[in-house]
Amino acid sequence: MPAKSKAQQKAAGAALSAKRGETKKSELRGASKSMEKSMSEKQLEEFASTKRKGKPEHVAGRH
């Protein structure tokens, strides 16, 4: 499943970095923190590798 926004793609990249031990998990905030806990490395790779061209910066949340 590809990321739906640039913000989601960036959060996945940060979570992936922490999951691989490249950055500290304590440095994660917000979405990247929950993504690191709930998603596998493979899922995070799919989100992080999404092309940014044509993606909105943010997608409206569900309320």
PDB file of N, CA and C in Angstrom:
ATOM      1  N   MET A   1       0.838  -1.174   0.000  1.00  0.00           N
ATOM      2  CA  MET A   1       0.000   0.000   0.000  1.00  0.00           C
ATOM      3  C   MET A   1       0.889   1.246   0.000  1.00  0.00           C
ATOM      4  N   PRO A   2       0.738   2.098  -0.972  1.00  0.00           N
ATOM      5  CA  PRO A   2       1.565   3.301  -1.027  1.00  0.00           C
ATOM      6  C   PRO A   2       1.077   4.377  -0.059  1.00  0.00           C
ATOM      7  N   ALA A   3       1.975   5.262   0.314  1.00  0.00           N
ATOM      8  CA  ALA A   3       1.617   6.397   1.170  1.00  0.00           C
ATOM      9  C   ALA A   3       0.672   7.309   0.395  1.00  0.00           C
ATOM     10  N   LYS A   4      -0.245   7.954   1.109  1.00  0.00           N
ATOM     11  CA  LYS A   4      -1.209   8.835   0.467  1.00  0.00           C
ATOM     12  C   LYS A   4      -0.768  10.295   0.479  1.00  0.00           C
ATOM     13  N   SER A   5       0.250  10.630   1.263  1.00  0.00           N
ATOM     14  CA  SER A   5       0.729  12.014   1.319  1.00  0.00           C
ATOM     15  C   SER A   5       2.238  12.035   1.576  1.00  0.00           C
ATOM     16  N   LYS A   6       2.832  13.203   1.356  1.00  0.00           N
ATOM     17  CA  LYS A   6       4.260  13.362   1.618  1.00  0.00           C
ATOM     18  C   LYS A   6       4.541  13.205   3.105  1.00  0.00           C
ATOM     19  N   ALA A   7       3.653  13.713   3.940  1.00  0.00           N
ATOM     20  CA  ALA A   7       3.847  13.623   5.385  1.00  0.00           C
ATOM     21  C   ALA A   7       3.844  12.165   5.843  1.00  0.00           C
ATOM     22  N   GLN A   8       2.946  11.366   5.290  1.00  0.00           N
ATOM     23  CA  GLN A   8       2.870   9.945   5.640  1.00  0.00           C
ATOM     24  C   GLN A   8       4.131   9.222   5.172  1.00  0.00           C
ATOM     25  N   GLN A   9       4.634   9.575   4.006  1.00  0.00           N
ATOM     26  CA  GLN A   9       5.843   8.952   3.465  1.00  0.00           C
ATOM     27  C   GLN A   9       7.045   9.297   4.334  1.00  0.00           C
ATOM     28  N   LYS A  10       7.133  10.545   4.777  1.00  0.00           N
ATOM     29  CA  LYS A  10       8.248  10.962   5.630  1.00  0.00           C
ATOM     30  C   LYS A  10       8.187  10.271   6.995  1.00  0.00           C
ATOM     31  N   ALA A  11       6.982  10.145   7.557  1.00  0.00           N
ATOM     32  CA  ALA A  11       6.812   9.482   8.850  1.00  0.00           C
ATOM     33  C   ALA A  11       7.240   8.016   8.749  1.00  0.00           C
ATOM     34  N   ALA A  12       6.887   7.375   7.643  1.00  0.00           N
ATOM     35  CA  ALA A  12       7.274   5.980   7.444  1.00  0.00           C
ATOM     36  C   ALA A  12       8.789   5.850   7.340  1.00  0.00           C
ATOM     37  N   GLY A  13       9.432   6.791   6.688  1.00  0.00           N
ATOM     38  CA  GLY A  13      10.895   6.774   6.579  1.00  0.00           C
ATOM     39  C   GLY A  13      11.561   6.892   7.937  1.00  0.00           C
ATOM     40  N   ALA A  14      11.034   7.773   8.781  1.00  0.00           N
ATOM     41  CA  ALA A  14      11.583   7.942  10.130  1.00  0.00           C
ATOM     42  C   ALA A  14      11.370   6.676  10.960  1.00  0.00           C
ATOM     43  N   ALA A  15      10.185   6.083  10.861  1.00  0.00           N
ATOM     44  CA  ALA A  15       9.881   4.855  11.597  1.00  0.00           C
ATOM     45  C   ALA A  15      10.763   3.701  11.127  1.00  0.00           C
ATOM     46  N   LEU A  16      10.980   3.617   9.828  1.00  0.00           N
ATOM     47  CA  LEU A  16      11.834   2.574   9.269  1.00  0.00           C
ATOM     48  C   LEU A  16      13.268   2.719   9.772  1.00  0.00           C
ATOM     49  N   SER A  17      13.757   3.928   9.817  1.00  0.00           N
ATOM     50  CA  SER A  17      15.103   4.187  10.311  1.00  0.00           C
ATOM     51  C   SER A  17      15.253   3.731  11.765  1.00  0.00           C
ATOM     52  N   ALA A  18      14.247   3.997  12.578  1.00  0.00           N
ATOM     53  CA  ALA A  18      14.280   3.585  13.982  1.00  0.00           C
ATOM     54  C   ALA A  18      14.178   2.065  14.109  1.00  0.00           C
ATOM     55  N   LYS A  19      13.327   1.465  13.287  1.00  0.00           N
ATOM     56  CA  LYS A  19      13.156   0.003  13.344  1.00  0.00           C
ATOM     57  C   LYS A  19      14.455  -0.704  12.981  1.00  0.00           C
ATOM     58  N   ARG A  20      15.226  -0.122  12.089  1.00  0.00           N
ATOM     59  CA  ARG A  20      16.506  -0.710  11.680  1.00  0.00           C
ATOM     60  C   ARG A  20      17.640  -0.365  12.643  1.00  0.00           C
ATOM     61  N   GLY A  21      17.360   0.494  13.629  1.00  0.00           N
ATOM     62  CA  GLY A  21      18.373   0.868  14.601  1.00  0.00           C
ATOM     63  C   GLY A  21      19.288   1.981  14.141  1.00  0.00           C
ATOM     64  N   GLU A  22      18.927   2.655  13.061  1.00  0.00           N
ATOM     65  CA  GLU A  22      19.748   3.736  12.525  1.00  0.00           C
ATOM     66  C   GLU A  22      19.540   5.037  13.302  1.00  0.00           C
ATOM     67  N   THR A  23      18.363   5.199  13.891  1.00  0.00           N
ATOM     68  CA  THR A  23      18.075   6.340  14.764  1.00  0.00           C
ATOM     69  C   THR A  23      17.422   5.802  16.031  1.00  0.00           C
ATOM     70  N   LYS A  24      17.390   6.629  17.062  1.00  0.00           N
ATOM     71  CA  LYS A  24      16.817   6.206  18.336  1.00  0.00           C
ATOM     72  C   LYS A  24      15.291   6.248  18.286  1.00  0.00           C
ATOM     73  N   LYS A  25      14.653   5.224  18.843  1.00  0.00           N
ATOM     74  CA  LYS A  25      13.196   5.194  18.899  1.00  0.00           C
ATOM     75  C   LYS A  25      12.664   6.347  19.731  1.00  0.00           C
ATOM     76  N   SER A  26      13.441   6.799  20.705  1.00  0.00           N
ATOM     77  CA  SER A  26      13.008   7.899  21.560  1.00  0.00           C
ATOM     78  C   SER A  26      12.906   9.222  20.801  1.00  0.00           C
ATOM     79  N   GLU A  27      13.513   9.299  19.626  1.00  0.00           N
ATOM     80  CA  GLU A  27      13.450  10.517  18.815  1.00  0.00           C
ATOM     81  C   GLU A  27      12.177  10.590  17.976  1.00  0.00           C
ATOM     82  N   LEU A  28      11.428   9.504  17.892  1.00  0.00           N
ATOM     83  CA  LEU A  28      10.210   9.484  17.086  1.00  0.00           C
ATOM     84  C   LEU A  28       9.096  10.248  17.776  1.00  0.00           C
ATOM     85  N   ARG A  29       8.264  10.899  16.985  1.00  0.00           N
ATOM     86  CA  ARG A  29       7.126  11.649  17.487  1.00  0.00           C
ATOM     87  C   ARG A  29       5.901  11.332  16.631  1.00  0.00           C
ATOM     88  N   GLY A  30       4.736  11.470  17.199  1.00  0.00           N
ATOM     89  CA  GLY A  30       3.476  11.371  16.468  1.00  0.00           C
ATOM     90  C   GLY A  30       3.298  10.108  15.653  1.00  0.00           C
ATOM     91  N   ALA A  31       2.960  10.290  14.379  1.00  0.00           N
ATOM     92  CA  ALA A  31       2.637   9.180  13.493  1.00  0.00           C
ATOM     93  C   ALA A  31       3.788   8.201  13.328  1.00  0.00           C
ATOM     94  N   SER A  32       5.016   8.714  13.244  1.00  0.00           N
ATOM     95  CA  SER A  32       6.158   7.818  13.034  1.00  0.00           C
ATOM     96  C   SER A  32       6.342   6.891  14.238  1.00  0.00           C
ATOM     97  N   LYS A  33       6.021   7.376  15.429  1.00  0.00           N
ATOM     98  CA  LYS A  33       6.151   6.565  16.638  1.00  0.00           C
ATOM     99  C   LYS A  33       5.154   5.397  16.609  1.00  0.00           C
ATOM    100  N   SER A  34       3.902   5.689  16.252  1.00  0.00           N
ATOM    101  CA  SER A  34       2.907   4.615  16.203  1.00  0.00           C
ATOM    102  C   SER A  34       3.141   3.681  15.017  1.00  0.00           C
ATOM    103  N   MET A  35       3.647   4.218  13.903  1.00  0.00           N
ATOM    104  CA  MET A  35       3.948   3.376  12.737  1.00  0.00           C
ATOM    105  C   MET A  35       5.057   2.385  13.072  1.00  0.00           C
ATOM    106  N   GLU A  36       6.066   2.838  13.796  1.00  0.00           N
ATOM    107  CA  GLU A  36       7.192   1.965  14.143  1.00  0.00           C
ATOM    108  C   GLU A  36       6.713   0.794  14.978  1.00  0.00           C
ATOM    109  N   LYS A  37       5.764   1.033  15.868  1.00  0.00           N
ATOM    110  CA  LYS A  37       5.260  -0.021  16.752  1.00  0.00           C
ATOM    111  C   LYS A  37       4.324  -0.986  16.034  1.00  0.00           C
ATOM    112  N   SER A  38       3.503  -0.467  15.131  1.00  0.00           N
ATOM    113  CA  SER A  38       2.427  -1.285  14.563  1.00  0.00           C
ATOM    114  C   SER A  38       2.697  -1.889  13.188  1.00  0.00           C
ATOM    115  N   MET A  39       3.754  -1.453  12.505  1.00  0.00           N
ATOM    116  CA  MET A  39       3.994  -1.930  11.149  1.00  0.00           C
ATOM    117  C   MET A  39       5.297  -2.719  11.055  1.00  0.00           C
ATOM    118  N   SER A  40       5.325  -3.656  10.117  1.00  0.00           N
ATOM    119  CA  SER A  40       6.539  -4.441   9.892  1.00  0.00           C
ATOM    120  C   SER A  40       7.532  -3.617   9.072  1.00  0.00           C
ATOM    121  N   GLU A  41       8.770  -4.071   9.054  1.00  0.00           N
ATOM    122  CA  GLU A  41       9.797  -3.381   8.269  1.00  0.00           C
ATOM    123  C   GLU A  41       9.413  -3.353   6.795  1.00  0.00           C
ATOM    124  N   LYS A  42       8.843  -4.437   6.303  1.00  0.00           N
ATOM    125  CA  LYS A  42       8.436  -4.517   4.896  1.00  0.00           C
ATOM    126  C   LYS A  42       7.335  -3.495   4.585  1.00  0.00           C
ATOM    127  N   GLN A  43       6.345  -3.375   5.479  1.00  0.00           N
ATOM    128  CA  GLN A  43       5.282  -2.397   5.266  1.00  0.00           C
ATOM    129  C   GLN A  43       5.843  -0.976   5.265  1.00  0.00           C
ATOM    130  N   LEU A  44       6.749  -0.706   6.199  1.00  0.00           N
ATOM    131  CA  LEU A  44       7.344   0.624   6.272  1.00  0.00           C
ATOM    132  C   LEU A  44       8.162   0.925   5.024  1.00  0.00           C
ATOM    133  N   GLU A  45       8.853  -0.073   4.494  1.00  0.00           N
ATOM    134  CA  GLU A  45       9.625   0.110   3.259  1.00  0.00           C
ATOM    135  C   GLU A  45       8.704   0.514   2.114  1.00  0.00           C
ATOM    136  N   GLU A  46       7.524  -0.127   2.024  1.00  0.00           N
ATOM    137  CA  GLU A  46       6.571   0.188   0.961  1.00  0.00           C
ATOM    138  C   GLU A  46       6.090   1.635   1.066  1.00  0.00           C
ATOM    139  N   PHE A  47       5.764   2.071   2.276  1.00  0.00           N
ATOM    140  CA  PHE A  47       5.308   3.445   2.479  1.00  0.00           C
ATOM    141  C   PHE A  47       6.434   4.430   2.194  1.00  0.00           C
ATOM    142  N   ALA A  48       7.618   4.154   2.717  1.00  0.00           N
ATOM    143  CA  ALA A  48       8.737   5.083   2.585  1.00  0.00           C
ATOM    144  C   ALA A  48       9.225   5.204   1.145  1.00  0.00           C
ATOM    145  N   SER A  49       9.059   4.169   0.348  1.00  0.00           N
ATOM    146  CA  SER A  49       9.566   4.195  -1.024  1.00  0.00           C
ATOM    147  C   SER A  49       8.570   4.782  -2.017  1.00  0.00           C
ATOM    148  N   THR A  50       7.407   5.194  -1.564  1.00  0.00           N
ATOM    149  CA  THR A  50       6.401   5.795  -2.432  1.00  0.00           C
ATOM    150  C   THR A  50       6.951   7.055  -3.093  1.00  0.00           C
ATOM    151  N   LYS A  51       6.686   7.206  -4.373  1.00  0.00           N
ATOM    152  CA  LYS A  51       7.105   8.412  -5.090  1.00  0.00           C
ATOM    153  C   LYS A  51       6.339   9.611  -4.531  1.00  0.00           C
ATOM    154  N   ARG A  52       7.026  10.727  -4.338  1.00  0.00           N
ATOM    155  CA  ARG A  52       6.397  11.926  -3.783  1.00  0.00           C
ATOM    156  C   ARG A  52       5.717  12.781  -4.846  1.00  0.00           C
ATOM    157  N   LYS A  53       6.121  12.646  -6.083  1.00  0.00           N
ATOM    158  CA  LYS A  53       5.579  13.500  -7.139  1.00  0.00           C
ATOM    159  C   LYS A  53       4.057  13.339  -7.222  1.00  0.00           C
ATOM    160  N   GLY A  54       3.367  14.456  -7.173  1.00  0.00           N
ATOM    161  CA  GLY A  54       1.913  14.437  -7.297  1.00  0.00           C
ATOM    162  C   GLY A  54       1.173  14.173  -5.996  1.00  0.00           C
ATOM    163  N   LYS A  55       1.896  13.939  -4.906  1.00  0.00           N
ATOM    164  CA  LYS A  55       1.262  13.672  -3.619  1.00  0.00           C
ATOM    165  C   LYS A  55       1.004  14.997  -2.899  1.00  0.00           C
ATOM    166  N   PRO A  56      -0.129  15.100  -2.208  1.00  0.00           N
ATOM    167  CA  PRO A  56      -0.348  16.305  -1.393  1.00  0.00           C
ATOM    168  C   PRO A  56       0.562  16.263  -0.172  1.00  0.00           C
ATOM    169  N   GLU A  57       0.806  17.427   0.431  1.00  0.00           N
ATOM    170  CA  GLU A  57       1.637  17.471   1.635  1.00  0.00           C
ATOM    171  C   GLU A  57       0.958  16.710   2.775  1.00  0.00           C
ATOM    172  N   HIS A  58      -0.357  16.921   2.927  1.00  0.00           N
ATOM    173  CA  HIS A  58      -1.133  16.239   3.965  1.00  0.00           C
ATOM    174  C   HIS A  58      -2.462  15.798   3.373  1.00  0.00           C
ATOM    175  N   VAL A  59      -3.076  14.799   3.994  1.00  0.00           N
ATOM    176  CA  VAL A  59      -4.410  14.344   3.619  1.00  0.00           C
ATOM    177  C   VAL A  59      -5.314  14.602   4.801  1.00  0.00           C
ATOM    178  N   ALA A  60      -6.493  15.110   4.559  1.00  0.00           N
ATOM    179  CA  ALA A  60      -7.433  15.409   5.645  1.00  0.00           C
ATOM    180  C   ALA A  60      -7.731  14.153   6.450  1.00  0.00           C
ATOM    181  N   GLY A  61      -7.737  14.309   7.773  1.00  0.00           N
ATOM    182  CA  GLY A  61      -7.992  13.176   8.671  1.00  0.00           C
ATOM    183  C   GLY A  61      -9.444  12.766   8.687  1.00  0.00           C
ATOM    184  N   ARG A  62      -9.693  11.609   9.255  1.00  0.00           N
ATOM    185  CA  ARG A  62     -11.066  11.084   9.353  1.00  0.00           C
ATOM    186  C   ARG A  62     -11.639  11.485  10.706  1.00  0.00           C
ATOM    187  N   HIS A  63     -12.728  12.233  10.690  1.00  0.00           N
ATOM    188  CA  HIS A  63     -13.391  12.643  11.932  1.00  0.00           C
ATOM    189  C   HIS A  63     -14.861  12.387  11.850  1.00  0.00           C
TER     190      HIS A  63
END
